[in-house]
Amino acid sequence: MSDDFDFSDLTELDDEPEIPLSQTSPSKRGKKNDNPQLITGALRIPRTANYSAESLYSQMVSGDINLDADYQRDVVWPDTKQIGAPII
């Protein structure tokens, strides 16, 4: 795989600050919770990215994008159902 990181500005999750799970307000009894729970390793808000066809192609050729990943499932429809399926 390429060591060129020009294609993405994604970073490691370890660099992320901890995000409070909740900010609890004092209960009716007047107890105060000074130790809110924290979520560690939380996902970032999704972001969009635009890549040119040339950039995507070069990433596929260099092996940075794998279109035949191990976790990709195989065809699930039988041949008869694939032939009769309308193309949208």
N, C-alpha and C. Protein backbone atom coordinates (compact mmCIF):
# COMPACT_ATOMS: atom_id res chain seq x y z
N MET A 1 0.83 -1.18 0.00
CA MET A 1 0.00 0.00 0.00
C MET A 1 0.87 1.24 0.00
N SER A 2 0.32 2.29 -0.43
CA SER A 2 1.07 3.53 -0.56
C SER A 2 1.22 4.22 0.80
N ASP A 3 2.36 4.85 0.99
CA ASP A 3 2.58 5.63 2.20
C ASP A 3 2.16 7.07 2.02
N ASP A 4 1.57 7.39 0.90
CA ASP A 4 1.17 8.75 0.59
C ASP A 4 -0.19 9.02 1.22
N PHE A 5 -0.24 9.96 2.14
CA PHE A 5 -1.48 10.26 2.83
C PHE A 5 -2.17 11.50 2.27
N ASP A 6 -1.91 11.82 0.99
CA ASP A 6 -2.52 12.99 0.38
C ASP A 6 -4.00 12.80 0.10
N PHE A 7 -4.48 11.57 0.13
CA PHE A 7 -5.85 11.30 -0.27
C PHE A 7 -6.85 11.55 0.85
N SER A 8 -6.42 11.52 2.09
CA SER A 8 -7.36 11.64 3.19
C SER A 8 -6.72 12.38 4.34
N ASP A 9 -7.52 13.12 5.06
CA ASP A 9 -7.02 13.79 6.24
C ASP A 9 -7.64 13.19 7.50
N LEU A 10 -7.94 11.89 7.45
CA LEU A 10 -8.45 11.20 8.62
C LEU A 10 -7.33 11.01 9.62
N THR A 11 -7.66 11.01 10.89
CA THR A 11 -6.65 10.84 11.93
C THR A 11 -7.02 9.67 12.82
N GLU A 12 -6.12 9.30 13.69
CA GLU A 12 -6.36 8.21 14.63
C GLU A 12 -7.35 8.65 15.70
N LEU A 13 -8.14 7.70 16.23
CA LEU A 13 -9.10 8.00 17.27
C LEU A 13 -8.42 8.32 18.60
N ASP A 14 -7.17 7.86 18.79
CA ASP A 14 -6.48 8.11 20.04
C ASP A 14 -6.24 9.60 20.27
N ASP A 15 -6.26 10.38 19.22
CA ASP A 15 -6.02 11.81 19.34
C ASP A 15 -7.28 12.58 19.76
N GLU A 16 -8.40 11.89 19.83
CA GLU A 16 -9.67 12.54 20.13
C GLU A 16 -9.82 12.82 21.63
N PRO A 17 -10.38 13.97 21.98
CA PRO A 17 -10.66 14.23 23.39
C PRO A 17 -11.85 13.39 23.85
N GLU A 18 -11.94 13.16 25.14
CA GLU A 18 -13.07 12.41 25.67
C GLU A 18 -14.31 13.30 25.65
N ILE A 19 -15.45 12.71 25.30
CA ILE A 19 -16.69 13.44 25.18
C ILE A 19 -17.61 13.02 26.33
N PRO A 20 -18.16 13.97 27.09
CA PRO A 20 -19.04 13.58 28.19
C PRO A 20 -20.27 12.85 27.68
N LEU A 21 -20.64 11.74 28.35
CA LEU A 21 -21.83 10.98 27.98
C LEU A 21 -23.08 11.79 28.28
N SER A 22 -23.10 12.38 29.45
CA SER A 22 -24.25 13.18 29.81
C SER A 22 -23.84 14.19 30.86
N GLN A 23 -24.54 15.26 30.87
CA GLN A 23 -24.36 16.25 31.92
C GLN A 23 -25.60 16.13 32.79
N THR A 24 -25.45 15.50 33.93
CA THR A 24 -26.60 15.27 34.79
C THR A 24 -26.88 16.51 35.62
N SER A 25 -28.14 16.80 35.79
CA SER A 25 -28.53 17.91 36.63
C SER A 25 -28.84 17.37 38.03
N PRO A 26 -28.76 18.21 39.03
CA PRO A 26 -29.06 17.72 40.38
C PRO A 26 -30.47 17.14 40.45
N SER A 27 -30.60 16.05 41.19
CA SER A 27 -31.91 15.41 41.31
C SER A 27 -32.80 16.22 42.25
N LYS A 28 -34.01 15.77 42.41
CA LYS A 28 -34.96 16.48 43.26
C LYS A 28 -34.51 16.50 44.71
N ARG A 29 -33.69 15.55 45.12
CA ARG A 29 -33.20 15.50 46.49
C ARG A 29 -32.04 16.48 46.71
N GLY A 30 -31.54 17.09 45.67
CA GLY A 30 -30.46 18.04 45.81
C GLY A 30 -29.08 17.43 45.70
N LYS A 31 -28.99 16.15 45.32
CA LYS A 31 -27.68 15.52 45.16
C LYS A 31 -27.04 16.05 43.88
N LYS A 32 -25.73 16.20 43.92
CA LYS A 32 -25.02 16.71 42.76
C LYS A 32 -24.03 15.66 42.29
N ASN A 33 -24.04 15.35 40.99
CA ASN A 33 -23.13 14.36 40.43
C ASN A 33 -21.96 15.11 39.80
N ASP A 34 -20.80 15.06 40.45
CA ASP A 34 -19.62 15.76 39.94
C ASP A 34 -18.78 14.88 39.03
N ASN A 35 -19.19 13.64 38.78
CA ASN A 35 -18.38 12.71 38.00
C ASN A 35 -19.22 12.16 36.84
N PRO A 36 -19.44 12.95 35.77
CA PRO A 36 -20.24 12.42 34.65
C PRO A 36 -19.49 11.31 33.93
N GLN A 37 -20.25 10.38 33.34
CA GLN A 37 -19.64 9.29 32.58
C GLN A 37 -19.09 9.85 31.27
N LEU A 38 -17.97 9.28 30.81
CA LEU A 38 -17.35 9.73 29.57
C LEU A 38 -17.30 8.60 28.57
N ILE A 39 -17.52 8.93 27.32
CA ILE A 39 -17.37 7.96 26.24
C ILE A 39 -15.98 8.16 25.66
N THR A 40 -15.22 7.08 25.62
CA THR A 40 -13.89 7.17 25.02
C THR A 40 -13.93 6.50 23.66
N GLY A 41 -13.18 7.01 22.72
CA GLY A 41 -13.13 6.43 21.39
C GLY A 41 -14.40 6.65 20.59
N ALA A 42 -15.14 7.71 20.89
CA ALA A 42 -16.39 7.99 20.16
C ALA A 42 -16.08 8.34 18.71
N LEU A 43 -17.00 7.99 17.83
CA LEU A 43 -16.83 8.30 16.41
C LEU A 43 -17.07 9.79 16.17
N ARG A 44 -16.38 10.30 15.19
CA ARG A 44 -16.59 11.69 14.79
C ARG A 44 -17.88 11.81 13.99
N ILE A 45 -18.34 13.03 13.86
CA ILE A 45 -19.49 13.30 13.00
C ILE A 45 -19.05 13.01 11.57
N PRO A 46 -19.88 12.30 10.78
CA PRO A 46 -19.49 11.98 9.40
C PRO A 46 -19.21 13.24 8.59
N ARG A 47 -18.28 13.12 7.67
CA ARG A 47 -17.96 14.24 6.80
C ARG A 47 -17.98 13.75 5.36
N THR A 48 -18.26 14.64 4.47
CA THR A 48 -18.26 14.29 3.05
C THR A 48 -16.90 14.62 2.46
N ALA A 49 -16.56 13.89 1.42
CA ALA A 49 -15.30 14.14 0.72
C ALA A 49 -15.54 13.92 -0.77
N ASN A 50 -14.98 14.77 -1.57
CA ASN A 50 -15.09 14.65 -3.02
C ASN A 50 -13.74 14.23 -3.58
N TYR A 51 -13.74 13.16 -4.38
CA TYR A 51 -12.53 12.67 -5.01
C TYR A 51 -12.77 12.59 -6.51
N SER A 52 -11.78 12.90 -7.28
CA SER A 52 -11.90 12.80 -8.73
C SER A 52 -11.82 11.33 -9.13
N ALA A 53 -12.34 11.01 -10.31
CA ALA A 53 -12.26 9.63 -10.81
C ALA A 53 -10.81 9.21 -10.96
N GLU A 54 -9.96 10.13 -11.37
CA GLU A 54 -8.53 9.84 -11.53
C GLU A 54 -7.89 9.48 -10.19
N SER A 55 -8.26 10.21 -9.15
CA SER A 55 -7.72 9.94 -7.82
C SER A 55 -8.18 8.58 -7.31
N LEU A 56 -9.46 8.27 -7.48
CA LEU A 56 -9.98 6.96 -7.05
C LEU A 56 -9.32 5.83 -7.82
N TYR A 57 -9.14 6.01 -9.13
CA TYR A 57 -8.50 4.99 -9.94
C TYR A 57 -7.06 4.75 -9.49
N SER A 58 -6.32 5.82 -9.25
CA SER A 58 -4.93 5.66 -8.82
C SER A 58 -4.85 4.99 -7.45
N GLN A 59 -5.81 5.24 -6.58
CA GLN A 59 -5.84 4.58 -5.28
C GLN A 59 -6.16 3.09 -5.43
N MET A 60 -7.02 2.74 -6.38
CA MET A 60 -7.32 1.32 -6.63
C MET A 60 -6.10 0.61 -7.20
N VAL A 61 -5.42 1.24 -8.15
CA VAL A 61 -4.24 0.64 -8.78
C VAL A 61 -3.13 0.44 -7.75
N SER A 62 -2.93 1.42 -6.87
CA SER A 62 -1.86 1.33 -5.88
C SER A 62 -2.20 0.40 -4.72
N GLY A 63 -3.47 -0.03 -4.63
CA GLY A 63 -3.87 -0.95 -3.56
C GLY A 63 -4.39 -0.27 -2.32
N ASP A 64 -4.54 1.06 -2.35
CA ASP A 64 -5.08 1.77 -1.20
C ASP A 64 -6.58 1.53 -1.04
N ILE A 65 -7.26 1.26 -2.14
CA ILE A 65 -8.68 0.91 -2.11
C ILE A 65 -8.79 -0.53 -2.58
N ASN A 66 -9.36 -1.39 -1.75
CA ASN A 66 -9.51 -2.81 -2.07
C ASN A 66 -10.97 -3.07 -2.41
N LEU A 67 -11.26 -3.39 -3.65
CA LEU A 67 -12.63 -3.67 -4.07
C LEU A 67 -13.02 -5.12 -3.86
N ASP A 68 -12.08 -5.95 -3.45
CA ASP A 68 -12.35 -7.37 -3.21
C ASP A 68 -11.97 -7.71 -1.77
N ALA A 69 -12.53 -6.97 -0.84
CA ALA A 69 -12.21 -7.16 0.58
C ALA A 69 -12.73 -8.49 1.09
N ASP A 70 -12.08 -9.03 2.13
CA ASP A 70 -12.47 -10.32 2.70
C ASP A 70 -13.88 -10.28 3.27
N TYR A 71 -14.29 -9.15 3.81
CA TYR A 71 -15.60 -9.05 4.44
C TYR A 71 -16.72 -8.79 3.44
N GLN A 72 -16.40 -8.55 2.17
CA GLN A 72 -17.41 -8.30 1.14
C GLN A 72 -18.13 -9.60 0.82
N ARG A 73 -19.44 -9.61 0.95
CA ARG A 73 -20.17 -10.85 0.69
C ARG A 73 -20.29 -11.11 -0.80
N ASP A 74 -20.48 -12.37 -1.12
CA ASP A 74 -20.59 -12.79 -2.51
C ASP A 74 -22.02 -12.55 -3.00
N VAL A 75 -22.31 -12.94 -4.20
CA VAL A 75 -23.63 -12.79 -4.79
C VAL A 75 -24.63 -13.60 -3.98
N VAL A 76 -25.76 -12.99 -3.62
CA VAL A 76 -26.75 -13.69 -2.81
C VAL A 76 -27.99 -14.10 -3.59
N TRP A 77 -28.22 -13.52 -4.76
CA TRP A 77 -29.36 -13.91 -5.57
C TRP A 77 -28.97 -15.04 -6.51
N PRO A 78 -29.88 -16.00 -6.74
CA PRO A 78 -29.60 -17.04 -7.73
C PRO A 78 -29.63 -16.43 -9.14
N ASP A 79 -29.05 -17.15 -10.10
CA ASP A 79 -28.96 -16.64 -11.48
C ASP A 79 -30.33 -16.29 -12.05
N THR A 80 -31.35 -17.11 -11.77
CA THR A 80 -32.68 -16.84 -12.34
C THR A 80 -33.24 -15.52 -11.82
N LYS A 81 -33.00 -15.21 -10.58
CA LYS A 81 -33.51 -13.96 -10.02
C LYS A 81 -32.70 -12.76 -10.53
N GLN A 82 -31.40 -12.95 -10.75
CA GLN A 82 -30.56 -11.87 -11.27
C GLN A 82 -30.95 -11.51 -12.69
N ILE A 83 -31.29 -12.53 -13.49
CA ILE A 83 -31.64 -12.29 -14.89
C ILE A 83 -32.96 -11.54 -14.99
N GLY A 84 -33.91 -11.84 -14.11
CA GLY A 84 -35.22 -11.21 -14.17
C GLY A 84 -35.31 -9.89 -13.44
N ALA A 85 -34.25 -9.48 -12.76
CA ALA A 85 -34.31 -8.24 -11.98
C ALA A 85 -34.24 -7.02 -12.90
N PRO A 86 -35.12 -6.05 -12.67
CA PRO A 86 -35.06 -4.83 -13.49
C PRO A 86 -33.86 -3.99 -13.06
N ILE A 87 -33.26 -3.32 -14.02
CA ILE A 87 -32.13 -2.43 -13.73
C ILE A 87 -32.69 -1.04 -13.52
N ILE A 88 -32.37 -0.48 -12.40
CA ILE A 88 -32.90 0.85 -12.06
C ILE A 88 -31.86 1.89 -12.37
